[in-house]
Amino acid sequence: MKKITVIATFSACVLCVACGVSNKAVKRMQLMEEGVSSPTTIEEYEAAIKKYERRIADITLAQQQVGIWYKIVGARYLDNNMFGEALKAYQAAIQYFPDNQNLYYYVGLCAGYLSHTALDYDATGDAGVKRYNYLKLSEQAYLRAIAIEPRYVRALYGLGVLYVHELDESSKAIPILETLLTVDTGHIDAMFVLAHAYYDAAEYDKAIALYDRIIARTKNAERKATAEANRAMVAREAATDIF
């Protein structure tokens, strides 16, 4: 109960400052909470420091818990495909955990989904701008996640998909997906996207080799059939280019 009271009172203190209440009022609230007035001796200063160290620990713990709750709320929204609300929750969580690569990954994921909902509701002709802005937010978030953890497979894959299937920048996807496949050599989905990127870049031999790799590795009949069809299409394209 004591910790709850301290946190609640501190929150009220912050609100008072925001509303323009004088520093004297804040100090009076601190005096009531911690019993610290105006220390003068070394002993009094040391006692005051110890009291406020406990206060800081309480505040830090509360801040961490708020950040964790935002992460949980974001996950709940995401489970229900409420991508806009999930994005807001993850953005809030980042304020508490700015070096958490998972949060940036989920921001990228939500923004990517939201790009498909960017309609011109106000009939201003800016639906394309909204969609592009969401896609660039997604790109920035994935890049930030990878900057924190360069071998983060989910972010590498998300960024690769974004470049190949959304932004039409397959050349950027190639080194990213190649890196991913050094970390997770059996990532079939990444192989499909990378093969697509190779095809877009007219690197037909690499695309064919990757489809062969998928065909040899996958036990899923549908995936194997898709890889075989894609391989045949790329082989025809390569043969046409020769002539």
Protein backbone atom coordinates (compact mmCIF):
# COMPACT_ATOMS: atom_id res chain seq x y z
CA MET A 1 0.00 0.00 0.00
CA LYS A 2 2.83 2.40 0.79
CA LYS A 3 4.32 2.07 -2.69
CA ILE A 4 0.98 2.71 -4.37
CA THR A 5 0.47 5.83 -2.31
CA VAL A 6 3.91 7.17 -3.17
CA ILE A 7 3.44 6.55 -6.89
CA ALA A 8 -0.02 8.05 -6.94
CA THR A 9 1.10 11.12 -5.05
CA PHE A 10 4.08 11.54 -7.31
CA SER A 11 1.80 11.42 -10.34
CA ALA A 12 -0.33 14.12 -8.79
CA CYS A 13 2.82 16.11 -8.19
CA VAL A 14 3.77 15.89 -11.86
CA LEU A 15 0.30 16.99 -12.87
CA CYS A 16 0.51 19.96 -10.55
CA VAL A 17 3.79 21.06 -12.08
CA ALA A 18 2.32 20.69 -15.57
CA CYS A 19 -0.60 22.88 -14.54
CA GLY A 20 1.72 25.63 -13.40
CA VAL A 21 1.64 25.12 -9.62
CA SER A 22 4.61 26.74 -7.92
CA ASN A 23 7.70 24.87 -6.80
CA LYS A 24 6.77 25.68 -3.23
CA ALA A 25 3.62 23.59 -3.55
CA VAL A 26 5.66 20.70 -4.94
CA LYS A 27 8.12 20.94 -2.08
CA ARG A 28 5.28 20.89 0.43
CA MET A 29 4.01 17.66 -1.14
CA GLN A 30 7.50 16.18 -0.99
CA LEU A 31 7.78 17.15 2.65
CA MET A 32 4.54 15.31 3.42
CA GLU A 33 5.66 12.22 1.51
CA GLU A 34 9.26 11.86 2.64
CA GLY A 35 9.53 14.00 5.73
CA VAL A 36 12.34 16.04 4.18
CA SER A 37 12.28 19.80 4.65
CA SER A 38 15.49 21.80 4.37
CA PRO A 39 18.53 19.76 5.45
CA THR A 40 21.49 21.70 6.77
CA THR A 41 23.95 19.18 8.24
CA ILE A 42 25.82 16.42 6.46
CA GLU A 43 23.79 13.85 8.35
CA GLU A 44 20.52 15.47 7.29
CA TYR A 45 21.64 15.63 3.65
CA GLU A 46 22.66 11.96 3.71
CA ALA A 47 19.31 11.00 5.22
CA ALA A 48 17.48 13.04 2.59
CA ILE A 49 19.46 11.37 -0.20
CA LYS A 50 18.57 7.91 1.08
CA LYS A 51 14.88 8.81 1.22
CA TYR A 52 14.87 10.16 -2.32
CA GLU A 53 16.88 7.20 -3.63
CA ARG A 54 14.00 5.00 -2.46
CA ARG A 55 11.61 7.39 -4.13
CA ILE A 56 13.51 7.18 -7.43
CA ALA A 57 13.52 3.37 -7.24
CA ASP A 58 9.73 3.41 -6.79
CA ILE A 59 9.27 5.74 -9.76
CA THR A 60 11.61 3.68 -11.97
CA LEU A 61 9.74 0.50 -11.13
CA ALA A 62 6.42 2.17 -11.92
CA GLN A 63 7.72 3.46 -15.27
CA GLN A 64 8.97 -0.01 -16.21
CA GLN A 65 5.62 -1.53 -15.34
CA VAL A 66 3.76 1.03 -17.45
CA GLY A 67 5.99 0.17 -20.40
CA ILE A 68 5.33 -3.54 -19.91
CA TRP A 69 1.58 -2.91 -19.81
CA TYR A 70 1.78 -1.00 -23.09
CA LYS A 71 3.56 -4.00 -24.64
CA ILE A 72 0.86 -6.35 -23.37
CA VAL A 73 -1.92 -4.09 -24.62
CA GLY A 74 -0.21 -3.88 -28.02
CA ALA A 75 -0.05 -7.67 -28.22
CA ARG A 76 -3.74 -7.98 -27.34
CA TYR A 77 -4.71 -5.48 -30.04
CA LEU A 78 -2.48 -7.27 -32.54
CA ASP A 79 -4.10 -10.62 -31.71
CA ASN A 80 -7.41 -9.04 -32.69
CA ASN A 81 -6.04 -7.46 -35.89
CA MET A 82 -6.58 -3.97 -34.45
CA PHE A 83 -3.42 -2.65 -36.05
CA GLY A 84 -4.03 1.04 -35.48
CA GLU A 85 -4.49 0.65 -31.73
CA ALA A 86 -1.62 -1.82 -31.56
CA LEU A 87 0.65 0.70 -33.30
CA LYS A 88 -0.24 3.37 -30.74
CA ALA A 89 0.48 1.00 -27.86
CA TYR A 90 3.86 -0.08 -29.24
CA GLN A 91 4.84 3.54 -29.94
CA ALA A 92 4.02 4.34 -26.31
CA ALA A 93 6.01 1.33 -25.09
CA ILE A 94 9.06 2.53 -27.02
CA GLN A 95 9.10 5.66 -24.86
CA TYR A 96 9.87 3.37 -21.93
CA PHE A 97 12.06 0.82 -23.74
CA PRO A 98 13.79 2.71 -26.60
CA ASP A 99 16.34 -0.07 -27.24
CA ASN A 100 13.91 -2.98 -27.51
CA GLN A 101 14.17 -4.40 -31.03
CA ASN A 102 10.93 -6.36 -30.66
CA LEU A 103 8.90 -3.17 -30.21
CA TYR A 104 10.31 -1.68 -33.41
CA TYR A 105 9.55 -4.91 -35.24
CA TYR A 106 5.92 -4.73 -34.19
CA VAL A 107 5.70 -1.06 -35.17
CA GLY A 108 6.98 -2.08 -38.62
CA LEU A 109 4.49 -4.93 -38.81
CA CYS A 110 1.51 -2.77 -37.80
CA ALA A 111 2.47 0.06 -40.13
CA GLY A 112 2.78 -2.39 -43.01
CA TYR A 113 -0.73 -3.70 -42.40
CA LEU A 114 -2.10 -0.18 -42.02
CA SER A 115 -0.69 0.80 -45.40
CA HIS A 116 -3.40 -1.37 -46.93
CA THR A 117 -6.13 0.52 -45.07
CA ALA A 118 -5.04 3.98 -46.23
CA LEU A 119 -8.19 5.08 -48.07
CA ASP A 120 -9.07 8.58 -49.21
CA TYR A 121 -11.90 9.04 -46.72
CA ASP A 122 -11.89 12.84 -47.10
CA ALA A 123 -11.71 12.70 -50.91
CA THR A 124 -8.57 14.84 -50.93
CA GLY A 125 -6.60 12.63 -53.28
CA ASP A 126 -3.92 11.80 -50.71
CA ALA A 127 -4.58 8.08 -50.16
CA GLY A 128 -1.33 7.27 -51.94
CA VAL A 129 0.57 9.61 -49.65
CA LYS A 130 -0.93 8.00 -46.55
CA ARG A 131 -0.04 4.53 -47.79
CA TYR A 132 3.51 5.58 -48.63
CA ASN A 133 3.96 7.19 -45.21
CA TYR A 134 2.90 4.00 -43.47
CA LEU A 135 5.32 2.00 -45.62
CA LYS A 136 8.19 4.36 -44.82
CA LEU A 137 7.34 4.13 -41.12
CA SER A 138 7.45 0.36 -41.46
CA GLU A 139 10.85 0.57 -43.17
CA GLN A 140 12.27 2.87 -40.48
CA ALA A 141 11.02 0.62 -37.70
CA TYR A 142 12.50 -2.53 -39.23
CA LEU A 143 15.80 -0.77 -39.85
CA ARG A 144 15.90 0.39 -36.25
CA ALA A 145 15.22 -3.14 -35.02
CA ILE A 146 18.05 -4.46 -37.19
CA ALA A 147 20.39 -1.71 -36.01
CA ILE A 148 19.82 -2.93 -32.45
CA GLU A 149 20.04 -6.62 -33.37
CA PRO A 150 21.64 -7.21 -36.82
CA ARG A 151 20.71 -10.92 -36.81
CA TYR A 152 17.07 -10.35 -35.94
CA VAL A 153 15.39 -12.74 -38.38
CA ARG A 154 11.82 -11.46 -38.11
CA ALA A 155 12.86 -7.86 -38.82
CA LEU A 156 15.14 -8.92 -41.68
CA TYR A 157 12.31 -10.90 -43.23
CA GLY A 158 9.76 -8.11 -42.71
CA LEU A 159 12.06 -5.59 -44.36
CA GLY A 160 12.78 -7.94 -47.25
CA VAL A 161 9.07 -8.45 -47.90
CA LEU A 162 8.51 -4.71 -47.67
CA TYR A 163 11.15 -3.93 -50.28
CA VAL A 164 10.10 -6.68 -52.72
CA HIS A 165 6.32 -6.63 -52.47
CA GLU A 166 5.45 -3.12 -51.32
CA LEU A 167 8.12 -0.57 -52.22
CA ASP A 168 9.35 -2.20 -55.45
CA GLU A 169 12.97 -1.97 -54.31
CA SER A 170 14.09 -5.55 -54.72
CA SER A 171 17.75 -4.60 -55.01
CA LYS A 172 17.67 -3.41 -51.39
CA ALA A 173 16.08 -6.67 -50.27
CA ILE A 174 18.80 -8.94 -51.69
CA PRO A 175 21.61 -8.30 -49.14
CA ILE A 176 19.09 -8.25 -46.29
CA LEU A 177 17.58 -11.61 -47.17
CA GLU A 178 20.99 -13.11 -47.92
CA THR A 179 22.02 -12.12 -44.39
CA LEU A 180 18.85 -13.68 -43.01
CA LEU A 181 19.63 -16.99 -44.70
CA THR A 182 23.05 -17.09 -43.08
CA VAL A 183 21.29 -16.91 -39.71
CA ASP A 184 18.35 -19.21 -40.50
CA THR A 185 19.38 -21.43 -43.40
CA GLY A 186 16.02 -23.20 -43.54
CA HIS A 187 13.75 -20.15 -43.76
CA ILE A 188 11.64 -21.20 -46.77
CA ASP A 189 9.54 -18.03 -46.86
CA ALA A 190 12.68 -15.91 -47.03
CA MET A 191 13.96 -18.08 -49.88
CA PHE A 192 10.79 -17.42 -51.87
CA VAL A 193 11.09 -13.66 -51.36
CA LEU A 194 14.80 -13.65 -52.18
CA ALA A 195 14.20 -15.69 -55.33
CA HIS A 196 11.60 -13.11 -56.34
CA ALA A 197 14.14 -10.34 -55.71
CA TYR A 198 16.74 -12.15 -57.82
CA TYR A 199 14.18 -12.46 -60.61
CA ASP A 200 13.36 -8.73 -60.41
CA ALA A 201 17.08 -7.99 -60.66
CA ALA A 202 17.40 -10.32 -63.70
CA GLU A 203 19.72 -12.60 -61.71
CA TYR A 204 18.01 -15.64 -63.14
CA ASP A 205 20.65 -18.23 -62.29
CA LYS A 206 20.51 -17.29 -58.62
CA ALA A 207 16.72 -17.38 -58.64
CA ILE A 208 16.68 -20.85 -60.26
CA ALA A 209 19.28 -22.14 -57.78
CA LEU A 210 17.20 -20.88 -54.88
CA TYR A 211 14.03 -22.49 -56.21
CA ASP A 212 15.98 -25.74 -56.55
CA ARG A 213 17.00 -25.35 -52.92
CA ILE A 214 13.37 -24.87 -51.87
CA ILE A 215 12.25 -27.89 -53.89
CA ALA A 216 14.92 -30.05 -52.27
CA ARG A 217 14.19 -28.87 -48.72
CA THR A 218 10.45 -28.39 -48.36
CA LYS A 219 8.13 -31.24 -47.43
CA ASN A 220 5.06 -29.12 -48.14
CA ALA A 221 3.50 -30.23 -51.43
CA GLU A 222 1.94 -26.83 -52.15
CA ARG A 223 5.18 -24.96 -51.57
CA LYS A 224 7.08 -27.44 -53.72
CA ALA A 225 4.57 -27.03 -56.54
CA THR A 226 4.81 -23.24 -56.31
CA ALA A 227 8.61 -23.38 -56.37
CA GLU A 228 8.57 -25.69 -59.39
CA ALA A 229 6.17 -23.41 -61.27
CA ASN A 230 8.23 -20.34 -60.43
CA ARG A 231 11.43 -22.08 -61.45
CA ALA A 232 9.97 -23.00 -64.82
CA MET A 233 8.80 -19.43 -65.39
CA VAL A 234 12.22 -17.99 -64.51
CA ALA A 235 13.95 -20.55 -66.76
CA ARG A 236 11.73 -19.51 -69.68
CA GLU A 237 12.48 -15.85 -68.99
CA ALA A 238 16.22 -16.58 -68.86
CA ALA A 239 16.05 -18.48 -72.16
CA THR A 240 14.17 -15.61 -73.80
CA ASP A 241 16.79 -13.09 -72.65
CA ILE A 242 19.55 -15.11 -74.28
CA PHE A 243 18.00 -14.59 -77.70
